[in-house]
PDB file of N, CA and C in Angstrom:
ATOM      1  N   MET A   1     206.660 246.064  72.569  1.00  0.00           N
ATOM      2  CA  MET A   1     207.654 245.453  73.431  1.00  0.00           C
ATOM      3  C   MET A   1     208.320 246.538  74.257  1.00  0.00           C
ATOM      4  N   SER A   2     208.489 246.273  75.544  1.00  0.00           N
ATOM      5  CA  SER A   2     209.204 247.187  76.425  1.00  0.00           C
ATOM      6  C   SER A   2     210.549 246.575  76.762  1.00  0.00           C
ATOM      7  N   LEU A   3     211.580 247.386  76.744  1.00  0.00           N
ATOM      8  CA  LEU A   3     212.918 246.908  77.096  1.00  0.00           C
ATOM      9  C   LEU A   3     213.524 247.901  78.068  1.00  0.00           C
ATOM     10  N   PHE A   4     213.869 247.421  79.236  1.00  0.00           N
ATOM     11  CA  PHE A   4     214.480 248.267  80.244  1.00  0.00           C
ATOM     12  C   PHE A   4     215.867 247.731  80.532  1.00  0.00           C
ATOM     13  N   ILE A   5     216.870 248.586  80.557  1.00  0.00           N
ATOM     14  CA  ILE A   5     218.233 248.173  80.873  1.00  0.00           C
ATOM     15  C   ILE A   5     218.632 248.864  82.170  1.00  0.00           C
ATOM     16  N   VAL A   6     219.072 248.083  83.138  1.00  0.00           N
ATOM     17  CA  VAL A   6     219.451 248.603  84.439  1.00  0.00           C
ATOM     18  C   VAL A   6     220.867 248.163  84.743  1.00  0.00           C
ATOM     19  N   ARG A   7     221.722 249.097  85.157  1.00  0.00           N
ATOM     20  CA  ARG A   7     223.082 248.747  85.560  1.00  0.00           C
ATOM     21  C   ARG A   7     223.158 248.761  87.077  1.00  0.00           C
ATOM     22  N   LYS A   8     223.608 247.667  87.643  1.00  0.00           N
ATOM     23  CA  LYS A   8     223.799 247.592  89.079  1.00  0.00           C
ATOM     24  C   LYS A   8     225.093 246.842  89.323  1.00  0.00           C
ATOM     25  N   LYS A   9     226.048 247.505  89.935  1.00  0.00           N
ATOM     26  CA  LYS A   9     227.390 246.978  90.142  1.00  0.00           C
ATOM     27  C   LYS A   9     227.971 246.621  88.776  1.00  0.00           C
ATOM     28  N   GLN A  10     228.389 245.368  88.554  1.00  0.00           N
ATOM     29  CA  GLN A  10     228.981 244.995  87.277  1.00  0.00           C
ATOM     30  C   GLN A  10     228.047 244.142  86.435  1.00  0.00           C
ATOM     31  N   PHE A  11     226.784 244.119  86.776  1.00  0.00           N
ATOM     32  CA  PHE A  11     225.855 243.277  86.051  1.00  0.00           C
ATOM     33  C   PHE A  11     224.947 244.112  85.162  1.00  0.00           C
ATOM     34  N   LEU A  12     224.626 243.585  84.013  1.00  0.00           N
ATOM     35  CA  LEU A  12     223.663 244.203  83.111  1.00  0.00           C
ATOM     36  C   LEU A  12     222.417 243.339  83.154  1.00  0.00           C
ATOM     37  N   ILE A  13     221.301 243.941  83.514  1.00  0.00           N
ATOM     38  CA  ILE A  13     220.064 243.187  83.661  1.00  0.00           C
ATOM     39  C   ILE A  13     219.059 243.715  82.646  1.00  0.00           C
ATOM     40  N   ARG A  14     218.445 242.828  81.898  1.00  0.00           N
ATOM     41  CA  ARG A  14     217.416 243.205  80.944  1.00  0.00           C
ATOM     42  C   ARG A  14     216.096 242.619  81.389  1.00  0.00           C
ATOM     43  N   VAL A  15     215.067 243.422  81.343  1.00  0.00           N
ATOM     44  CA  VAL A  15     213.715 242.950  81.623  1.00  0.00           C
ATOM     45  C   VAL A  15     212.912 243.173  80.354  1.00  0.00           C
ATOM     46  N   CYS A  16     212.402 242.113  79.776  1.00  0.00           N
ATOM     47  CA  CYS A  16     211.700 242.210  78.502  1.00  0.00           C
ATOM     48  C   CYS A  16     210.272 241.714  78.664  1.00  0.00           C
ATOM     49  N   ALA A  17     209.362 242.464  78.123  1.00  0.00           N
ATOM     50  CA  ALA A  17     207.968 242.049  78.128  1.00  0.00           C
ATOM     51  C   ALA A  17     207.783 240.903  77.149  1.00  0.00           C
ATOM     52  N   ASN A  18     206.934 239.965  77.496  1.00  0.00           N
ATOM     53  CA  ASN A  18     206.567 238.838  76.629  1.00  0.00           C
ATOM     54  C   ASN A  18     207.733 237.919  76.282  1.00  0.00           C
ATOM     55  N   HIS A  19     208.817 237.929  77.058  1.00  0.00           N
ATOM     56  CA  HIS A  19     209.957 237.037  76.816  1.00  0.00           C
ATOM     57  C   HIS A  19     210.427 237.093  75.365  1.00  0.00           C
ATOM     58  N   SER A  20     210.534 238.272  74.824  1.00  0.00           N
ATOM     59  CA  SER A  20     210.931 238.422  73.428  1.00  0.00           C
ATOM     60  C   SER A  20     212.390 238.037  73.224  1.00  0.00           C
ATOM     61  N   SER A  21     212.806 237.949  71.992  1.00  0.00           N
ATOM     62  CA  SER A  21     214.158 237.541  71.649  1.00  0.00           C
ATOM     63  C   SER A  21     215.176 238.594  72.057  1.00  0.00           C
ATOM     64  N   VAL A  22     216.270 238.125  72.663  1.00  0.00           N
ATOM     65  CA  VAL A  22     217.339 239.027  73.098  1.00  0.00           C
ATOM     66  C   VAL A  22     218.696 238.384  72.865  1.00  0.00           C
ATOM     67  N   SER A  23     219.696 239.226  72.625  1.00  0.00           N
ATOM     68  CA  SER A  23     221.070 238.735  72.526  1.00  0.00           C
ATOM     69  C   SER A  23     221.549 238.345  73.927  1.00  0.00           C
ATOM     70  N   PRO A  24     222.621 237.553  74.017  1.00  0.00           N
ATOM     71  CA  PRO A  24     223.069 237.037  75.315  1.00  0.00           C
ATOM     72  C   PRO A  24     223.545 238.121  76.284  1.00  0.00           C
ATOM     73  N   ILE A  25     223.342 237.844  77.579  1.00  0.00           N
ATOM     74  CA  ILE A  25     223.904 238.633  78.676  1.00  0.00           C
ATOM     75  C   ILE A  25     224.433 237.648  79.719  1.00  0.00           C
ATOM     76  N   CYS A  26     225.338 238.096  80.573  1.00  0.00           N
ATOM     77  CA  CYS A  26     225.890 237.241  81.623  1.00  0.00           C
ATOM     78  C   CYS A  26     224.808 236.870  82.626  1.00  0.00           C
ATOM     79  N   GLU A  27     224.818 235.635  83.037  1.00  0.00           N
ATOM     80  CA  GLU A  27     223.896 235.198  84.073  1.00  0.00           C
ATOM     81  C   GLU A  27     224.340 235.793  85.409  1.00  0.00           C
ATOM     82  N   VAL A  28     223.414 236.353  86.136  1.00  0.00           N
ATOM     83  CA  VAL A  28     223.703 236.967  87.428  1.00  0.00           C
ATOM     84  C   VAL A  28     223.972 235.875  88.468  1.00  0.00           C
ATOM     85  N   GLY A  29     224.931 236.126  89.350  1.00  0.00           N
ATOM     86  CA  GLY A  29     225.189 235.226  90.466  1.00  0.00           C
ATOM     87  C   GLY A  29     226.222 234.144  90.207  1.00  0.00           C
ATOM     88  N   GLN A  30     226.867 234.144  89.054  1.00  0.00           N
ATOM     89  CA  GLN A  30     227.862 233.108  88.795  1.00  0.00           C
ATOM     90  C   GLN A  30     229.213 233.460  89.408  1.00  0.00           C
ATOM     91  N   LYS A  31     230.079 232.478  89.522  1.00  0.00           N
ATOM     92  CA  LYS A  31     231.408 232.660  90.095  1.00  0.00           C
ATOM     93  C   LYS A  31     232.246 233.535  89.163  1.00  0.00           C
ATOM     94  N   LEU A  32     232.842 234.614  89.705  1.00  0.00           N
ATOM     95  CA  LEU A  32     233.610 235.556  88.894  1.00  0.00           C
ATOM     96  C   LEU A  32     235.098 235.555  89.231  1.00  0.00           C
ATOM     97  N   TYR A  33     235.475 234.962  90.360  1.00  0.00           N
ATOM     98  CA  TYR A  33     236.869 234.931  90.800  1.00  0.00           C
ATOM     99  C   TYR A  33     237.312 233.490  90.972  1.00  0.00           C
ATOM    100  N   TYR A  34     238.464 233.168  90.395  1.00  0.00           N
ATOM    101  CA  TYR A  34     238.999 231.815  90.464  1.00  0.00           C
ATOM    102  C   TYR A  34     240.448 231.859  90.922  1.00  0.00           C
ATOM    103  N   THR A  35     240.843 230.894  91.745  1.00  0.00           N
ATOM    104  CA  THR A  35     242.249 230.652  92.031  1.00  0.00           C
ATOM    105  C   THR A  35     242.619 229.432  91.208  1.00  0.00           C
ATOM    106  N   VAL A  36     243.599 229.592  90.322  1.00  0.00           N
ATOM    107  CA  VAL A  36     243.978 228.520  89.399  1.00  0.00           C
ATOM    108  C   VAL A  36     245.456 228.189  89.589  1.00  0.00           C
ATOM    109  N   VAL A  37     245.878 227.065  89.032  1.00  0.00           N
ATOM    110  CA  VAL A  37     247.246 226.587  89.197  1.00  0.00           C
ATOM    111  C   VAL A  37     247.975 226.625  87.861  1.00  0.00           C
ATOM    112  N   ARG A  38     249.198 227.176  87.877  1.00  0.00           N
ATOM    113  CA  ARG A  38     250.034 227.258  86.677  1.00  0.00           C
ATOM    114  C   ARG A  38     250.432 225.844  86.227  1.00  0.00           C
ATOM    115  N   ASN A  39     250.459 225.637  84.928  1.00  0.00           N
ATOM    116  CA  ASN A  39     250.835 224.373  84.285  1.00  0.00           C
ATOM    117  C   ASN A  39     249.852 223.232  84.568  1.00  0.00           C
ATOM    118  N   VAL A  40     248.639 223.580  84.934  1.00  0.00           N
ATOM    119  CA  VAL A  40     247.565 222.604  85.138  1.00  0.00           C
ATOM    120  C   VAL A  40     246.337 223.122  84.394  1.00  0.00           C
ATOM    121  N   VAL A  41     245.572 222.215  83.756  1.00  0.00           N
ATOM    122  CA  VAL A  41     244.355 222.635  83.075  1.00  0.00           C
ATOM    123  C   VAL A  41     243.298 222.983  84.131  1.00  0.00           C
ATOM    124  N   ASN A  42     242.824 224.213  84.079  1.00  0.00           N
ATOM    125  CA  ASN A  42     241.797 224.714  84.984  1.00  0.00           C
ATOM    126  C   ASN A  42     240.522 224.956  84.182  1.00  0.00           C
ATOM    127  N   ARG A  43     239.370 224.741  84.805  1.00  0.00           N
ATOM    128  CA  ARG A  43     238.094 224.895  84.109  1.00  0.00           C
ATOM    129  C   ARG A  43     237.376 226.135  84.632  1.00  0.00           C
ATOM    130  N   ILE A  44     237.014 227.033  83.710  1.00  0.00           N
ATOM    131  CA  ILE A  44     236.313 228.272  84.023  1.00  0.00           C
ATOM    132  C   ILE A  44     234.932 228.197  83.379  1.00  0.00           C
ATOM    133  N   LYS A  45     233.887 228.440  84.172  1.00  0.00           N
ATOM    134  CA  LYS A  45     232.511 228.285  83.696  1.00  0.00           C
ATOM    135  C   LYS A  45     231.883 229.641  83.381  1.00  0.00           C
ATOM    136  N   CYS A  46     231.271 229.740  82.203  1.00  0.00           N
ATOM    137  CA  CYS A  46     230.566 230.940  81.754  1.00  0.00           C
ATOM    138  C   CYS A  46     229.114 230.563  81.471  1.00  0.00           C
ATOM    139  N   SER A  47     228.193 231.299  82.109  1.00  0.00           N
ATOM    140  CA  SER A  47     226.763 231.055  81.876  1.00  0.00           C
ATOM    141  C   SER A  47     226.110 232.349  81.409  1.00  0.00           C
ATOM    142  N   VAL A  48     225.245 232.242  80.411  1.00  0.00           N
ATOM    143  CA  VAL A  48     224.550 233.413  79.873  1.00  0.00           C
ATOM    144  C   VAL A  48     223.049 233.162  79.842  1.00  0.00           C
ATOM    145  N   GLU A  49     222.316 234.252  79.705  1.00  0.00           N
ATOM    146  CA  GLU A  49     220.881 234.195  79.458  1.00  0.00           C
ATOM    147  C   GLU A  49     220.659 234.748  78.061  1.00  0.00           C
ATOM    148  N   ALA A  50     219.820 234.092  77.285  1.00  0.00           N
ATOM    149  CA  ALA A  50     219.564 234.513  75.902  1.00  0.00           C
ATOM    150  C   ALA A  50     218.271 233.891  75.407  1.00  0.00           C
ATOM    151  N   ASN A  51     217.741 234.493  74.368  1.00  0.00           N
ATOM    152  CA  ASN A  51     216.562 233.944  73.705  1.00  0.00           C
ATOM    153  C   ASN A  51     216.630 234.358  72.240  1.00  0.00           C
ATOM    154  N   PRO A  52     216.808 233.427  71.311  1.00  0.00           N
ATOM    155  CA  PRO A  52     216.782 231.979  71.461  1.00  0.00           C
ATOM    156  C   PRO A  52     218.121 231.434  71.966  1.00  0.00           C
ATOM    157  N   ILE A  53     218.065 230.198  72.502  1.00  0.00           N
ATOM    158  CA  ILE A  53     219.290 229.571  73.003  1.00  0.00           C
ATOM    159  C   ILE A  53     219.806 228.480  72.063  1.00  0.00           C
ATOM    160  N   ASP A  54     219.013 228.078  71.082  1.00  0.00           N
ATOM    161  CA  ASP A  54     219.405 226.955  70.227  1.00  0.00           C
ATOM    162  C   ASP A  54     220.552 227.278  69.276  1.00  0.00           C
ATOM    163  N   SER A  55     220.867 228.541  69.084  1.00  0.00           N
ATOM    164  CA  SER A  55     221.945 228.888  68.151  1.00  0.00           C
ATOM    165  C   SER A  55     223.122 229.567  68.846  1.00  0.00           C
ATOM    166  N   LEU A  56     223.267 229.368  70.163  1.00  0.00           N
ATOM    167  CA  LEU A  56     224.340 230.038  70.901  1.00  0.00           C
ATOM    168  C   LEU A  56     225.721 229.526  70.505  1.00  0.00           C
ATOM    169  N   GLU A  57     226.625 230.470  70.299  1.00  0.00           N
ATOM    170  CA  GLU A  57     228.033 230.155  70.055  1.00  0.00           C
ATOM    171  C   GLU A  57     228.858 230.988  71.023  1.00  0.00           C
ATOM    172  N   PHE A  58     229.935 230.400  71.555  1.00  0.00           N
ATOM    173  CA  PHE A  58     230.774 231.076  72.542  1.00  0.00           C
ATOM    174  C   PHE A  58     232.165 231.346  71.980  1.00  0.00           C
ATOM    175  N   LYS A  59     232.783 232.414  72.505  1.00  0.00           N
ATOM    176  CA  LYS A  59     234.190 232.730  72.239  1.00  0.00           C
ATOM    177  C   LYS A  59     234.814 233.138  73.563  1.00  0.00           C
ATOM    178  N   TRP A  60     236.064 232.735  73.751  1.00  0.00           N
ATOM    179  CA  TRP A  60     236.807 233.023  74.976  1.00  0.00           C
ATOM    180  C   TRP A  60     238.103 233.751  74.636  1.00  0.00           C
ATOM    181  N   PHE A  61     238.497 234.684  75.513  1.00  0.00           N
ATOM    182  CA  PHE A  61     239.748 235.404  75.359  1.00  0.00           C
ATOM    183  C   PHE A  61     240.457 235.480  76.700  1.00  0.00           C
ATOM    184  N   VAL A  62     241.794 235.484  76.658  1.00  0.00           N
ATOM    185  CA  VAL A  62     242.616 235.598  77.859  1.00  0.00           C
ATOM    186  C   VAL A  62     243.429 236.877  77.754  1.00  0.00           C
ATOM    187  N   ASN A  63     243.465 237.657  78.832  1.00  0.00           N
ATOM    188  CA  ASN A  63     244.286 238.868  78.901  1.00  0.00           C
ATOM    189  C   ASN A  63     245.190 238.744  80.112  1.00  0.00           C
ATOM    190  N   THR A  64     246.512 238.678  79.865  1.00  0.00           N
ATOM    191  CA  THR A  64     247.484 238.541  80.955  1.00  0.00           C
ATOM    192  C   THR A  64     248.223 239.843  81.220  1.00  0.00           C
ATOM    193  N   SER A  65     247.863 240.908  80.574  1.00  0.00           N
ATOM    194  CA  SER A  65     248.516 242.226  80.575  1.00  0.00           C
ATOM    195  C   SER A  65     249.775 242.230  79.716  1.00  0.00           C
ATOM    196  N   ILE A  66     250.354 241.069  79.454  1.00  0.00           N
ATOM    197  CA  ILE A  66     251.472 240.967  78.512  1.00  0.00           C
ATOM    198  C   ILE A  66     250.932 240.688  77.114  1.00  0.00           C
ATOM    199  N   GLU A  67     249.880 239.889  77.061  1.00  0.00           N
ATOM    200  CA  GLU A  67     249.291 239.525  75.776  1.00  0.00           C
ATOM    201  C   GLU A  67     247.800 239.251  75.938  1.00  0.00           C
ATOM    202  N   MET A  68     247.100 239.300  74.811  1.00  0.00           N
ATOM    203  CA  MET A  68     245.691 238.910  74.766  1.00  0.00           C
ATOM    204  C   MET A  68     245.535 237.935  73.617  1.00  0.00           C
ATOM    205  N   PHE A  69     244.874 236.817  73.877  1.00  0.00           N
ATOM    206  CA  PHE A  69     244.722 235.806  72.835  1.00  0.00           C
ATOM    207  C   PHE A  69     243.393 235.082  72.996  1.00  0.00           C
ATOM    208  N   GLU A  70     242.951 234.484  71.887  1.00  0.00           N
ATOM    209  CA  GLU A  70     241.715 233.712  71.905  1.00  0.00           C
ATOM    210  C   GLU A  70     241.989 232.326  72.462  1.00  0.00           C
ATOM    211  N   LEU A  71     241.115 231.869  73.322  1.00  0.00           N
ATOM    212  CA  LEU A  71     241.213 230.543  73.917  1.00  0.00           C
ATOM    213  C   LEU A  71     240.337 229.605  73.104  1.00  0.00           C
ATOM    214  N   LYS A  72     240.922 228.568  72.546  1.00  0.00           N
ATOM    215  CA  LYS A  72     240.188 227.670  71.641  1.00  0.00           C
ATOM    216  C   LYS A  72     239.685 226.397  72.314  1.00  0.00           C
ATOM    217  N   SER A  73     240.155 226.116  73.529  1.00  0.00           N
ATOM    218  CA  SER A  73     239.784 224.874  74.198  1.00  0.00           C
ATOM    219  C   SER A  73     238.633 225.113  75.177  1.00  0.00           C
ATOM    220  N   PHE A  74     237.424 224.761  74.742  1.00  0.00           N
ATOM    221  CA  PHE A  74     236.254 224.892  75.607  1.00  0.00           C
ATOM    222  C   PHE A  74     235.149 223.970  75.117  1.00  0.00           C
ATOM    223  N   ASP A  75     234.223 223.676  76.036  1.00  0.00           N
ATOM    224  CA  ASP A  75     233.051 222.861  75.733  1.00  0.00           C
ATOM    225  C   ASP A  75     231.817 223.693  76.019  1.00  0.00           C
ATOM    226  N   SER A  76     230.799 223.591  75.174  1.00  0.00           N
ATOM    227  CA  SER A  76     229.579 224.358  75.362  1.00  0.00           C
ATOM    228  C   SER A  76     228.370 223.443  75.310  1.00  0.00           C
ATOM    229  N   ASN A  77     227.378 223.778  76.135  1.00  0.00           N
ATOM    230  CA  ASN A  77     226.123 223.046  76.161  1.00  0.00           C
ATOM    231  C   ASN A  77     225.023 224.024  76.528  1.00  0.00           C
ATOM    232  N   SER A  78     224.172 224.331  75.595  1.00  0.00           N
ATOM    233  CA  SER A  78     223.062 225.258  75.798  1.00  0.00           C
ATOM    234  C   SER A  78     223.578 226.640  76.196  1.00  0.00           C
ATOM    235  N   THR A  79     223.280 227.114  77.400  1.00  0.00           N
ATOM    236  CA  THR A  79     223.645 228.472  77.815  1.00  0.00           C
ATOM    237  C   THR A  79     224.922 228.514  78.658  1.00  0.00           C
ATOM    238  N   THR A  80     225.646 227.413  78.699  1.00  0.00           N
ATOM    239  CA  THR A  80     226.867 227.334  79.498  1.00  0.00           C
ATOM    240  C   THR A  80     228.046 226.880  78.636  1.00  0.00           C
ATOM    241  N   SER A  81     229.193 227.496  78.893  1.00  0.00           N
ATOM    242  CA  SER A  81     230.435 227.100  78.233  1.00  0.00           C
ATOM    243  C   SER A  81     231.506 226.978  79.312  1.00  0.00           C
ATOM    244  N   ILE A  82     232.361 225.961  79.190  1.00  0.00           N
ATOM    245  CA  ILE A  82     233.439 225.756  80.164  1.00  0.00           C
ATOM    246  C   ILE A  82     234.766 225.755  79.414  1.00  0.00           C
ATOM    247  N   ALA A  83     235.607 226.741  79.764  1.00  0.00           N
ATOM    248  CA  ALA A  83     236.921 226.866  79.135  1.00  0.00           C
ATOM    249  C   ALA A  83     237.934 226.000  79.871  1.00  0.00           C
ATOM    250  N   ASN A  84     238.857 225.437  79.102  1.00  0.00           N
ATOM    251  CA  ASN A  84     239.978 224.685  79.653  1.00  0.00           C
ATOM    252  C   ASN A  84     241.218 225.546  79.474  1.00  0.00           C
ATOM    253  N   TYR A  85     241.712 226.114  80.569  1.00  0.00           N
ATOM    254  CA  TYR A  85     242.815 227.076  80.490  1.00  0.00           C
ATOM    255  C   TYR A  85     243.984 226.622  81.348  1.00  0.00           C
ATOM    256  N   MET A  86     245.184 226.556  80.716  1.00  0.00           N
ATOM    257  CA  MET A  86     246.402 226.198  81.423  1.00  0.00           C
ATOM    258  C   MET A  86     247.352 227.395  81.413  1.00  0.00           C
ATOM    259  N   PRO A  87     247.409 228.165  82.520  1.00  0.00           N
ATOM    260  CA  PRO A  87     248.335 229.296  82.570  1.00  0.00           C
ATOM    261  C   PRO A  87     249.779 228.795  82.550  1.00  0.00           C
ATOM    262  N   LYS A  88     250.609 229.456  81.741  1.00  0.00           N
ATOM    263  CA  LYS A  88     252.010 229.046  81.630  1.00  0.00           C
ATOM    264  C   LYS A  88     252.981 230.180  81.933  1.00  0.00           C
ATOM    265  N   THR A  89     252.482 231.398  81.980  1.00  0.00           N
ATOM    266  CA  THR A  89     253.368 232.542  82.177  1.00  0.00           C
ATOM    267  C   THR A  89     253.715 232.714  83.651  1.00  0.00           C
ATOM    268  N   ILE A  90     254.667 233.598  83.912  1.00  0.00           N
ATOM    269  CA  ILE A  90     255.060 233.881  85.291  1.00  0.00           C
ATOM    270  C   ILE A  90     254.123 234.877  85.957  1.00  0.00           C
ATOM    271  N   MET A  91     253.152 235.381  85.202  1.00  0.00           N
ATOM    272  CA  MET A  91     252.193 236.325  85.769  1.00  0.00           C
ATOM    273  C   MET A  91     251.389 235.627  86.875  1.00  0.00           C
ATOM    274  N   ASN A  92     250.977 236.396  87.874  1.00  0.00           N
ATOM    275  CA  ASN A  92     250.212 235.781  88.956  1.00  0.00           C
ATOM    276  C   ASN A  92     248.723 236.123  88.863  1.00  0.00           C
ATOM    277  N   TYR A  93     248.299 236.652  87.714  1.00  0.00           N
ATOM    278  CA  TYR A  93     246.889 236.947  87.507  1.00  0.00           C
ATOM    279  C   TYR A  93     246.579 236.947  86.011  1.00  0.00           C
ATOM    280  N   ALA A  94     245.300 236.857  85.705  1.00  0.00           N
ATOM    281  CA  ALA A  94     244.832 236.956  84.319  1.00  0.00           C
ATOM    282  C   ALA A  94     243.352 237.286  84.356  1.00  0.00           C
ATOM    283  N   ILE A  95     242.866 237.780  83.252  1.00  0.00           N
ATOM    284  CA  ILE A  95     241.436 238.044  83.094  1.00  0.00           C
ATOM    285  C   ILE A  95     240.952 237.223  81.904  1.00  0.00           C
ATOM    286  N   ILE A  96     239.857 236.522  82.105  1.00  0.00           N
ATOM    287  CA  ILE A  96     239.259 235.712  81.044  1.00  0.00           C
ATOM    288  C   ILE A  96     237.944 236.380  80.635  1.00  0.00           C
ATOM    289  N   LEU A  97     237.739 236.503  79.334  1.00  0.00           N
ATOM    290  CA  LEU A  97     236.512 237.095  78.792  1.00  0.00           C
ATOM    291  C   LEU A  97     235.740 236.032  78.035  1.00  0.00           C
ATOM    292  N   CYS A  98     234.445 235.990  78.266  1.00  0.00           N
ATOM    293  CA  CYS A  98     233.578 235.041  77.579  1.00  0.00           C
ATOM    294  C   CYS A  98     232.481 235.827  76.862  1.00  0.00           C
ATOM    295  N   PHE A  99     232.351 235.598  75.560  1.00  0.00           N
ATOM    296  CA  PHE A  99     231.294 236.209  74.754  1.00  0.00           C
ATOM    297  C   PHE A  99     230.402 235.111  74.202  1.00  0.00           C
ATOM    298  N   ALA A 100     229.116 235.392  74.096  1.00  0.00           N
ATOM    299  CA  ALA A 100     228.190 234.472  73.436  1.00  0.00           C
ATOM    300  C   ALA A 100     227.467 235.237  72.334  1.00  0.00           C
ATOM    301  N   GLU A 101     227.003 234.489  71.352  1.00  0.00           N
ATOM    302  CA  GLU A 101     226.259 235.082  70.241  1.00  0.00           C
ATOM    303  C   GLU A 101     225.112 234.160  69.880  1.00  0.00           C
ATOM    304  N   ASN A 102     223.952 234.748  69.606  1.00  0.00           N
ATOM    305  CA  ASN A 102     222.826 233.975  69.083  1.00  0.00           C
ATOM    306  C   ASN A 102     222.335 234.642  67.797  1.00  0.00           C
ATOM    307  N   SER A 103     221.209 234.207  67.278  1.00  0.00           N
ATOM    308  CA  SER A 103     220.714 234.751  66.011  1.00  0.00           C
ATOM    309  C   SER A 103     220.287 236.216  66.131  1.00  0.00           C
ATOM    310  N   ILE A 104     220.102 236.722  67.340  1.00  0.00           N
ATOM    311  CA  ILE A 104     219.726 238.124  67.549  1.00  0.00           C
ATOM    312  C   ILE A 104     220.956 239.024  67.524  1.00  0.00           C
ATOM    313  N   GLY A 105     222.081 238.533  68.051  1.00  0.00           N
ATOM    314  CA  GLY A 105     223.299 239.333  68.042  1.00  0.00           C
ATOM    315  C   GLY A 105     224.339 238.834  69.020  1.00  0.00           C
ATOM    316  N   ILE A 106     225.468 239.558  69.041  1.00  0.00           N
ATOM    317  CA  ILE A 106     226.573 239.216  69.928  1.00  0.00           C
ATOM    318  C   ILE A 106     226.388 239.922  71.268  1.00  0.00           C
ATOM    319  N   GLN A 107     226.876 239.303  72.290  1.00  0.00           N
ATOM    320  CA  GLN A 107     226.816 239.860  73.634  1.00  0.00           C
ATOM    321  C   GLN A 107     227.558 241.198  73.666  1.00  0.00           C
ATOM    322  N   ARG A 108     226.925 242.242  74.171  1.00  0.00           N
ATOM    323  CA  ARG A 108     227.537 243.578  74.176  1.00  0.00           C
ATOM    324  C   ARG A 108     228.672 243.702  75.169  1.00  0.00           C
ATOM    325  N   GLU A 109     228.502 243.134  76.356  1.00  0.00           N
ATOM    326  CA  GLU A 109     229.528 243.179  77.390  1.00  0.00           C
ATOM    327  C   GLU A 109     229.889 241.751  77.757  1.00  0.00           C
ATOM    328  N   PRO A 110     231.178 241.400  77.722  1.00  0.00           N
ATOM    329  CA  PRO A 110     231.558 240.021  78.016  1.00  0.00           C
ATOM    330  C   PRO A 110     231.353 239.683  79.489  1.00  0.00           C
ATOM    331  N   CYS A 111     231.282 238.403  79.771  1.00  0.00           N
ATOM    332  CA  CYS A 111     231.372 237.933  81.151  1.00  0.00           C
ATOM    333  C   CYS A 111     232.867 237.966  81.477  1.00  0.00           C
ATOM    334  N   ILE A 112     233.212 238.528  82.618  1.00  0.00           N
ATOM    335  CA  ILE A 112     234.613 238.733  82.979  1.00  0.00           C
ATOM    336  C   ILE A 112     234.941 237.915  84.219  1.00  0.00           C
ATOM    337  N   TYR A 113     235.999 237.106  84.122  1.00  0.00           N
ATOM    338  CA  TYR A 113     236.439 236.259  85.213  1.00  0.00           C
ATOM    339  C   TYR A 113     237.880 236.632  85.564  1.00  0.00           C
ATOM    340  N   LYS A 114     238.111 236.871  86.856  1.00  0.00           N
ATOM    341  CA  LYS A 114     239.442 237.265  87.316  1.00  0.00           C
ATOM    342  C   LYS A 114     240.104 236.055  87.950  1.00  0.00           C
ATOM    343  N   LEU A 115     241.336 235.777  87.474  1.00  0.00           N
ATOM    344  CA  LEU A 115     242.073 234.616  87.940  1.00  0.00           C
ATOM    345  C   LEU A 115     243.281 235.019  88.764  1.00  0.00           C
ATOM    346  N   LYS A 116     243.462 234.367  89.883  1.00  0.00           N
ATOM    347  CA  LYS A 116     244.692 234.462  90.660  1.00  0.00           C
ATOM    348  C   LYS A 116     245.445 233.184  90.367  1.00  0.00           C
ATOM    349  N   ILE A 117     246.642 233.299  89.807  1.00  0.00           N
ATOM    350  CA  ILE A 117     247.388 232.119  89.377  1.00  0.00           C
ATOM    351  C   ILE A 117     248.449 231.786  90.418  1.00  0.00           C
ATOM    352  N   GLU A 118     248.406 230.555  90.905  1.00  0.00           N
ATOM    353  CA  GLU A 118     249.370 230.088  91.879  1.00  0.00           C
ATOM    354  C   GLU A 118     250.396 229.189  91.188  1.00  0.00           C
ATOM    355  N   SER A 119     251.557 229.043  91.803  1.00  0.00           N
ATOM    356  CA  SER A 119     252.613 228.195  91.256  1.00  0.00           C
ATOM    357  C   SER A 119     252.132 226.767  91.154  1.00  0.00           C
ATOM    358  N   GLY A 120     252.551 226.121  90.099  1.00  0.00           N
ATOM    359  CA  GLY A 120     252.208 224.712  89.893  1.00  0.00           C
ATOM    360  C   GLY A 120     253.463 223.915  89.677  1.00  0.00           C
ATOM    361  N   ASN A 121     253.338 222.844  88.933  1.00  0.00           N
ATOM    362  CA  ASN A 121     254.485 221.964  88.639  1.00  0.00           C
ATOM    363  C   ASN A 121     255.560 222.658  87.850  1.00  0.00           C
TER     364      ASN A 121
END
């Protein structure tokens, strides 16, 4: 088996011979920046590539620079997970981290989503 790891910008790309089993990595080309509204449930989408995909589990974390906490409200289906996040702080930004894990291992680098939070209700 040959495994090549290439870093280009903020993406980690793996090329594997024979489509062998690999731990999850972020899917290239997904939306990384969101404008969200305070006090409203916003949906953030995380997509990964992995093999096998039948045992994928996701975890989400929020970093507001004041605190970091695990986000428990999300839905997952195959290689995609959608977090339901309601910003409540006065901060005008946040970073959301999405990790996936399969039977091969946990994702080494999270998918990172940058949020600009606008005033809401």
